[in-house]
PDB file of N, CA and C in Angstrom:
ATOM      1  N   MET A   1       1.270  -0.845   0.386  1.00  0.00           N
ATOM      2  CA  MET A   1       0.010  -0.064   0.243  1.00  0.00           C
ATOM      3  C   MET A   1       0.582   1.726   0.262  1.00  0.00           C
ATOM      4  N   MET A   2       0.730   2.337  -0.770  1.00  0.00           N
ATOM      5  CA  MET A   2       1.386   3.441  -0.959  1.00  0.00           C
ATOM      6  C   MET A   2       0.962   4.192   0.707  1.00  0.00           C
ATOM      7  N   ASP A   3       1.694   4.678   0.650  1.00  0.00           N
ATOM      8  CA  ASP A   3       1.843   6.016   1.691  1.00  0.00           C
ATOM      9  C   ASP A   3       1.511   7.359   1.004  1.00  0.00           C
ATOM     10  N   SER A   4       0.669   8.341   2.025  1.00  0.00           N
ATOM     11  CA  SER A   4      -0.039   9.346   1.149  1.00  0.00           C
ATOM     12  C   SER A   4       1.478  10.622   0.750  1.00  0.00           C
ATOM     13  N   GLU A   5       2.268  10.341   1.855  1.00  0.00           N
ATOM     14  CA  GLU A   5       3.310  11.205   2.412  1.00  0.00           C
ATOM     15  C   GLU A   5       4.235  11.222   0.726  1.00  0.00           C
ATOM     16  N   ARG A   6       5.041   9.969   0.647  1.00  0.00           N
ATOM     17  CA  ARG A   6       5.713   9.529  -0.845  1.00  0.00           C
ATOM     18  C   ARG A   6       4.589  10.293  -1.404  1.00  0.00           C
ATOM     19  N   VAL A   7       3.485   9.932  -1.931  1.00  0.00           N
ATOM     20  CA  VAL A   7       3.292  10.295  -2.739  1.00  0.00           C
ATOM     21  C   VAL A   7       2.780  11.960  -3.232  1.00  0.00           C
ATOM     22  N   GLN A   8       2.761  12.759  -1.963  1.00  0.00           N
ATOM     23  CA  GLN A   8       3.003  14.125  -1.743  1.00  0.00           C
ATOM     24  C   GLN A   8       4.018  14.789  -2.505  1.00  0.00           C
ATOM     25  N   GLU A   9       4.373  13.882  -1.863  1.00  0.00           N
ATOM     26  CA  GLU A   9       6.317  14.349  -2.025  1.00  0.00           C
ATOM     27  C   GLU A   9       6.839  14.368  -3.688  1.00  0.00           C
ATOM     28  N   ALA A  10       6.175  13.262  -4.244  1.00  0.00           N
ATOM     29  CA  ALA A  10       6.267  13.139  -5.843  1.00  0.00           C
ATOM     30  C   ALA A  10       5.620  13.907  -6.525  1.00  0.00           C
ATOM     31  N   LEU A  11       4.911  14.287  -6.040  1.00  0.00           N
ATOM     32  CA  LEU A  11       3.821  15.325  -7.037  1.00  0.00           C
ATOM     33  C   LEU A  11       4.576  16.620  -6.687  1.00  0.00           C
ATOM     34  N   THR A  12       4.918  16.698  -5.629  1.00  0.00           N
ATOM     35  CA  THR A  12       5.274  18.293  -5.378  1.00  0.00           C
ATOM     36  C   THR A  12       6.143  18.677  -6.525  1.00  0.00           C
ATOM     37  N   ASP A  13       7.342  17.735  -6.740  1.00  0.00           N
ATOM     38  CA  ASP A  13       8.345  17.978  -7.886  1.00  0.00           C
ATOM     39  C   ASP A  13       7.254  18.293  -9.496  1.00  0.00           C
ATOM     40  N   VAL A  14       6.468  17.700  -9.627  1.00  0.00           N
ATOM     41  CA  VAL A  14       5.048  17.690 -10.873  1.00  0.00           C
ATOM     42  C   VAL A  14       4.960  18.887 -11.508  1.00  0.00           C
ATOM     43  N   ARG A  15       4.134  19.133  -9.324  1.00  0.00           N
ATOM     44  CA  ARG A  15       3.363  20.515  -9.440  1.00  0.00           C
ATOM     45  C   ARG A  15       4.284  21.609 -10.426  1.00  0.00           C
ATOM     46  N   LYS A  16       5.910  21.687  -9.286  1.00  0.00           N
ATOM     47  CA  LYS A  16       6.544  22.405  -9.778  1.00  0.00           C
ATOM     48  C   LYS A  16       6.784  22.959 -11.372  1.00  0.00           C
ATOM     49  N   ALA A  17       6.807  22.142 -11.864  1.00  0.00           N
ATOM     50  CA  ALA A  17       6.603  22.114 -13.492  1.00  0.00           C
ATOM     51  C   ALA A  17       5.054  22.340 -14.478  1.00  0.00           C
ATOM     52  N   LEU A  18       4.529  21.582 -13.651  1.00  0.00           N
ATOM     53  CA  LEU A  18       2.971  22.439 -14.111  1.00  0.00           C
ATOM     54  C   LEU A  18       2.241  23.814 -13.483  1.00  0.00           C
ATOM     55  N   GLU A  19       3.087  24.066 -12.552  1.00  0.00           N
ATOM     56  CA  GLU A  19       2.391  26.113 -12.746  1.00  0.00           C
ATOM     57  C   GLU A  19       2.649  26.820 -12.934  1.00  0.00           C
ATOM     58  N   ALA A  20       4.368  26.657 -13.378  1.00  0.00           N
ATOM     59  CA  ALA A  20       5.452  27.352 -14.832  1.00  0.00           C
ATOM     60  C   ALA A  20       4.601  27.476 -16.028  1.00  0.00           C
ATOM     61  N   ASP A  21       3.541  26.356 -16.182  1.00  0.00           N
ATOM     62  CA  ASP A  21       2.508  27.178 -17.662  1.00  0.00           C
ATOM     63  C   ASP A  21       1.406  26.952 -16.830  1.00  0.00           C
ATOM     64  N   GLY A  22       0.895  27.561 -15.872  1.00  0.00           N
ATOM     65  CA  GLY A  22      -0.226  28.633 -14.889  1.00  0.00           C
ATOM     66  C   GLY A  22      -0.957  27.043 -15.023  1.00  0.00           C
ATOM     67  N   GLY A  23      -0.747  25.511 -14.463  1.00  0.00           N
ATOM     68  CA  GLY A  23      -1.947  24.771 -13.737  1.00  0.00           C
ATOM     69  C   GLY A  23      -1.092  24.409 -12.714  1.00  0.00           C
ATOM     70  N   GLY A  24      -1.792  23.432 -12.262  1.00  0.00           N
ATOM     71  CA  GLY A  24      -1.752  22.949 -11.225  1.00  0.00           C
ATOM     72  C   GLY A  24      -1.838  21.249 -10.779  1.00  0.00           C
ATOM     73  N   ILE A  25      -2.149  20.786  -9.808  1.00  0.00           N
ATOM     74  CA  ILE A  25      -2.460  19.950  -9.508  1.00  0.00           C
ATOM     75  C   ILE A  25      -2.447  18.898  -8.064  1.00  0.00           C
ATOM     76  N   GLU A  26      -3.630  18.372  -7.275  1.00  0.00           N
ATOM     77  CA  GLU A  26      -3.797  18.158  -6.241  1.00  0.00           C
ATOM     78  C   GLU A  26      -4.064  16.654  -6.213  1.00  0.00           C
ATOM     79  N   LEU A  27      -3.912  16.036  -4.891  1.00  0.00           N
ATOM     80  CA  LEU A  27      -3.817  14.631  -5.081  1.00  0.00           C
ATOM     81  C   LEU A  27      -5.296  14.331  -4.855  1.00  0.00           C
ATOM     82  N   VAL A  28      -6.646  13.981  -5.190  1.00  0.00           N
ATOM     83  CA  VAL A  28      -7.809  13.334  -4.107  1.00  0.00           C
ATOM     84  C   VAL A  28      -7.719  12.430  -3.561  1.00  0.00           C
ATOM     85  N   LYS A  29      -7.395  10.812  -3.658  1.00  0.00           N
ATOM     86  CA  LYS A  29      -7.004  10.015  -3.152  1.00  0.00           C
ATOM     87  C   LYS A  29      -6.331   8.772  -4.026  1.00  0.00           C
ATOM     88  N   ILE A  30      -5.963   7.714  -2.477  1.00  0.00           N
ATOM     89  CA  ILE A  30      -5.043   6.961  -3.380  1.00  0.00           C
ATOM     90  C   ILE A  30      -6.339   6.064  -3.350  1.00  0.00           C
ATOM     91  N   GLU A  31      -6.033   5.042  -3.964  1.00  0.00           N
ATOM     92  CA  GLU A  31      -7.199   3.691  -3.706  1.00  0.00           C
ATOM     93  C   GLU A  31      -6.126   2.386  -4.420  1.00  0.00           C
ATOM     94  N   GLY A  32      -6.131   1.999  -3.388  1.00  0.00           N
ATOM     95  CA  GLY A  32      -4.990   0.696  -3.746  1.00  0.00           C
ATOM     96  C   GLY A  32      -3.703   0.935  -4.345  1.00  0.00           C
ATOM     97  N   ASN A  33      -3.446   0.530  -5.501  1.00  0.00           N
ATOM     98  CA  ASN A  33      -1.881   1.250  -6.050  1.00  0.00           C
ATOM     99  C   ASN A  33      -2.262   2.303  -6.927  1.00  0.00           C
ATOM    100  N   LYS A  34      -3.651   2.766  -7.201  1.00  0.00           N
ATOM    101  CA  LYS A  34      -3.681   3.902  -8.107  1.00  0.00           C
ATOM    102  C   LYS A  34      -3.754   5.170  -7.064  1.00  0.00           C
ATOM    103  N   VAL A  35      -3.314   6.377  -8.016  1.00  0.00           N
ATOM    104  CA  VAL A  35      -3.038   7.677  -7.476  1.00  0.00           C
ATOM    105  C   VAL A  35      -4.490   8.060  -7.879  1.00  0.00           C
ATOM    106  N   HIS A  36      -5.393   9.146  -7.327  1.00  0.00           N
ATOM    107  CA  HIS A  36      -6.240   9.796  -8.210  1.00  0.00           C
ATOM    108  C   HIS A  36      -6.277  11.327  -8.020  1.00  0.00           C
ATOM    109  N   VAL A  37      -5.653  12.283  -9.107  1.00  0.00           N
ATOM    110  CA  VAL A  37      -5.420  13.575  -8.959  1.00  0.00           C
ATOM    111  C   VAL A  37      -6.808  14.084  -9.967  1.00  0.00           C
ATOM    112  N   ARG A  38      -6.371  15.732  -9.575  1.00  0.00           N
ATOM    113  CA  ARG A  38      -7.395  16.620 -10.135  1.00  0.00           C
ATOM    114  C   ARG A  38      -6.281  17.647 -10.475  1.00  0.00           C
ATOM    115  N   LEU A  39      -6.635  18.314 -11.826  1.00  0.00           N
ATOM    116  CA  LEU A  39      -5.245  18.860 -12.534  1.00  0.00           C
ATOM    117  C   LEU A  39      -6.364  20.245 -12.708  1.00  0.00           C
ATOM    118  N   LEU A  40      -5.357  21.267 -11.651  1.00  0.00           N
ATOM    119  CA  LEU A  40      -6.099  22.849 -11.550  1.00  0.00           C
ATOM    120  C   LEU A  40      -5.694  23.564 -12.994  1.00  0.00           C
ATOM    121  N   GLY A  41      -6.266  24.608 -13.037  1.00  0.00           N
ATOM    122  CA  GLY A  41      -5.439  25.845 -13.602  1.00  0.00           C
ATOM    123  C   GLY A  41      -5.803  25.728 -15.144  1.00  0.00           C
ATOM    124  N   ALA A  42      -4.431  26.014 -15.746  1.00  0.00           N
ATOM    125  CA  ALA A  42      -4.223  26.442 -17.365  1.00  0.00           C
ATOM    126  C   ALA A  42      -4.574  24.249 -17.349  1.00  0.00           C
ATOM    127  N   CYS A  43      -3.913  23.505 -16.813  1.00  0.00           N
ATOM    128  CA  CYS A  43      -4.194  22.107 -17.126  1.00  0.00           C
ATOM    129  C   CYS A  43      -5.480  21.674 -17.278  1.00  0.00           C
ATOM    130  N   ALA A  44      -6.392  21.988 -15.876  1.00  0.00           N
ATOM    131  CA  ALA A  44      -7.969  21.649 -16.484  1.00  0.00           C
ATOM    132  C   ALA A  44      -8.603  21.186 -17.800  1.00  0.00           C
ATOM    133  N   GLY A  45      -8.126  22.603 -18.387  1.00  0.00           N
ATOM    134  CA  GLY A  45      -8.723  22.641 -20.053  1.00  0.00           C
ATOM    135  C   GLY A  45      -8.086  21.949 -21.108  1.00  0.00           C
ATOM    136  N   CYS A  46      -6.287  22.105 -20.422  1.00  0.00           N
ATOM    137  CA  CYS A  46      -6.503  21.405 -21.770  1.00  0.00           C
ATOM    138  C   CYS A  46      -6.050  21.023 -22.869  1.00  0.00           C
ATOM    139  N   PRO A  47      -6.556  20.813 -23.747  1.00  0.00           N
ATOM    140  CA  PRO A  47      -6.151  19.833 -24.914  1.00  0.00           C
ATOM    141  C   PRO A  47      -5.214  18.949 -24.956  1.00  0.00           C
ATOM    142  N   MET A  48      -4.575  19.022 -24.105  1.00  0.00           N
ATOM    143  CA  MET A  48      -3.074  18.129 -24.072  1.00  0.00           C
ATOM    144  C   MET A  48      -3.390  17.087 -22.409  1.00  0.00           C
ATOM    145  N   ARG A  49      -4.209  17.610 -21.547  1.00  0.00           N
ATOM    146  CA  ARG A  49      -3.931  16.768 -20.471  1.00  0.00           C
ATOM    147  C   ARG A  49      -3.712  15.787 -20.130  1.00  0.00           C
ATOM    148  N   THR A  50      -4.209  14.860 -21.092  1.00  0.00           N
ATOM    149  CA  THR A  50      -4.111  13.294 -21.010  1.00  0.00           C
ATOM    150  C   THR A  50      -2.949  12.906 -21.693  1.00  0.00           C
ATOM    151  N   MET A  51      -2.228  13.448 -21.882  1.00  0.00           N
ATOM    152  CA  MET A  51      -0.848  13.109 -22.298  1.00  0.00           C
ATOM    153  C   MET A  51      -0.023  13.495 -21.145  1.00  0.00           C
ATOM    154  N   THR A  52      -0.329  15.187 -20.725  1.00  0.00           N
ATOM    155  CA  THR A  52       0.559  15.020 -19.662  1.00  0.00           C
ATOM    156  C   THR A  52       0.308  14.486 -18.799  1.00  0.00           C
ATOM    157  N   LEU A  53      -0.864  13.573 -17.932  1.00  0.00           N
ATOM    158  CA  LEU A  53      -1.507  12.852 -16.830  1.00  0.00           C
ATOM    159  C   LEU A  53       0.086  11.371 -16.931  1.00  0.00           C
ATOM    160  N   LYS A  54      -0.052  10.991 -18.574  1.00  0.00           N
ATOM    161  CA  LYS A  54       0.179   9.585 -18.709  1.00  0.00           C
ATOM    162  C   LYS A  54       1.519   9.574 -19.285  1.00  0.00           C
ATOM    163  N   ASN A  55       2.237  10.863 -19.950  1.00  0.00           N
ATOM    164  CA  ASN A  55       3.930  10.819 -20.424  1.00  0.00           C
ATOM    165  C   ASN A  55       4.736  11.548 -19.232  1.00  0.00           C
ATOM    166  N   GLY A  56       3.590  13.142 -18.110  1.00  0.00           N
ATOM    167  CA  GLY A  56       4.266  13.386 -17.141  1.00  0.00           C
ATOM    168  C   GLY A  56       4.165  12.743 -15.867  1.00  0.00           C
ATOM    169  N   VAL A  57       2.778  12.919 -15.127  1.00  0.00           N
ATOM    170  CA  VAL A  57       3.150  12.420 -13.716  1.00  0.00           C
ATOM    171  C   VAL A  57       3.010  11.821 -13.773  1.00  0.00           C
ATOM    172  N   GLU A  58       2.027  10.495 -14.375  1.00  0.00           N
ATOM    173  CA  GLU A  58       2.307   9.127 -14.419  1.00  0.00           C
ATOM    174  C   GLU A  58       3.598   8.469 -14.385  1.00  0.00           C
ATOM    175  N   ARG A  59       4.473   8.635 -14.934  1.00  0.00           N
ATOM    176  CA  ARG A  59       5.938   8.655 -15.582  1.00  0.00           C
ATOM    177  C   ARG A  59       7.052   9.282 -14.371  1.00  0.00           C
ATOM    178  N   VAL A  60       6.579  10.559 -13.887  1.00  0.00           N
ATOM    179  CA  VAL A  60       7.083  10.548 -12.896  1.00  0.00           C
ATOM    180  C   VAL A  60       7.135  10.009 -11.386  1.00  0.00           C
ATOM    181  N   LEU A  61       5.527   9.644 -10.985  1.00  0.00           N
ATOM    182  CA  LEU A  61       5.644   8.932 -10.064  1.00  0.00           C
ATOM    183  C   LEU A  61       6.031   7.093  -9.976  1.00  0.00           C
ATOM    184  N   LYS A  62       6.072   7.212 -11.226  1.00  0.00           N
ATOM    185  CA  LYS A  62       6.093   5.547 -11.189  1.00  0.00           C
ATOM    186  C   LYS A  62       7.812   5.056 -10.880  1.00  0.00           C
ATOM    187  N   GLU A  63       8.272   6.477 -11.326  1.00  0.00           N
ATOM    188  CA  GLU A  63       9.539   6.433 -11.357  1.00  0.00           C
ATOM    189  C   GLU A  63      10.331   6.123  -9.727  1.00  0.00           C
ATOM    190  N   ARG A  64       8.946   6.931  -9.176  1.00  0.00           N
ATOM    191  CA  ARG A  64       9.489   7.161  -7.273  1.00  0.00           C
ATOM    192  C   ARG A  64       9.087   6.266  -6.565  1.00  0.00           C
ATOM    193  N   ILE A  65       7.652   5.885  -6.651  1.00  0.00           N
ATOM    194  CA  ILE A  65       6.499   5.155  -6.243  1.00  0.00           C
ATOM    195  C   ILE A  65       6.549   3.720  -7.262  1.00  0.00           C
ATOM    196  N   PRO A  66       7.413   2.756  -6.892  1.00  0.00           N
ATOM    197  CA  PRO A  66       7.829   1.327  -8.386  1.00  0.00           C
ATOM    198  C   PRO A  66       5.799   0.543  -8.119  1.00  0.00           C
ATOM    199  N   GLU A  67       5.543   0.683  -6.939  1.00  0.00           N
ATOM    200  CA  GLU A  67       4.240  -0.340  -7.136  1.00  0.00           C
ATOM    201  C   GLU A  67       2.879   0.688  -7.639  1.00  0.00           C
ATOM    202  N   LEU A  68       2.847   2.002  -7.977  1.00  0.00           N
ATOM    203  CA  LEU A  68       1.799   2.735  -8.669  1.00  0.00           C
ATOM    204  C   LEU A  68       1.317   1.779  -9.889  1.00  0.00           C
ATOM    205  N   GLU A  69       0.534   1.984  -9.728  1.00  0.00           N
ATOM    206  CA  GLU A  69      -0.468   1.221 -11.057  1.00  0.00           C
ATOM    207  C   GLU A  69      -0.466   2.203 -12.229  1.00  0.00           C
ATOM    208  N   GLU A  70      -0.989   3.100 -11.661  1.00  0.00           N
ATOM    209  CA  GLU A  70      -2.036   4.259 -12.293  1.00  0.00           C
ATOM    210  C   GLU A  70      -2.038   5.294 -11.987  1.00  0.00           C
ATOM    211  N   VAL A  71      -2.419   6.385 -12.320  1.00  0.00           N
ATOM    212  CA  VAL A  71      -2.586   7.733 -12.392  1.00  0.00           C
ATOM    213  C   VAL A  71      -4.259   7.712 -12.815  1.00  0.00           C
ATOM    214  N   VAL A  72      -5.243   8.660 -12.068  1.00  0.00           N
ATOM    215  CA  VAL A  72      -6.309   8.453 -12.539  1.00  0.00           C
ATOM    216  C   VAL A  72      -6.767   9.901 -12.546  1.00  0.00           C
ATOM    217  N   PRO A  73      -7.516  10.293 -13.400  1.00  0.00           N
ATOM    218  CA  PRO A  73      -7.968  11.593 -13.164  1.00  0.00           C
ATOM    219  C   PRO A  73      -9.086  11.620 -12.797  1.00  0.00           C
ATOM    220  N   VAL A  74      -9.703  13.073 -11.644  1.00  0.00           N
ATOM    221  CA  VAL A  74     -10.973  13.037 -11.435  1.00  0.00           C
ATOM    222  C   VAL A  74     -11.342  14.477 -12.119  1.00  0.00           C
TER     223      VAL A  74
END
């Protein structure tokens, strides 16, 4: 089971990159080995948000948290 502290630490690094483009991200919940997040600001309506989640957020989190299965948008 993943703990929220490790997830929050990993999201801090991701958040810096998203904030540089006027966006943001928040942890909604951890369910088993899945992390549910909400994109904020410019990221919420961006047509590239799916790619950002899979190729950016999910990739970084999986590097830091090997047991992570998926990042799920809310």
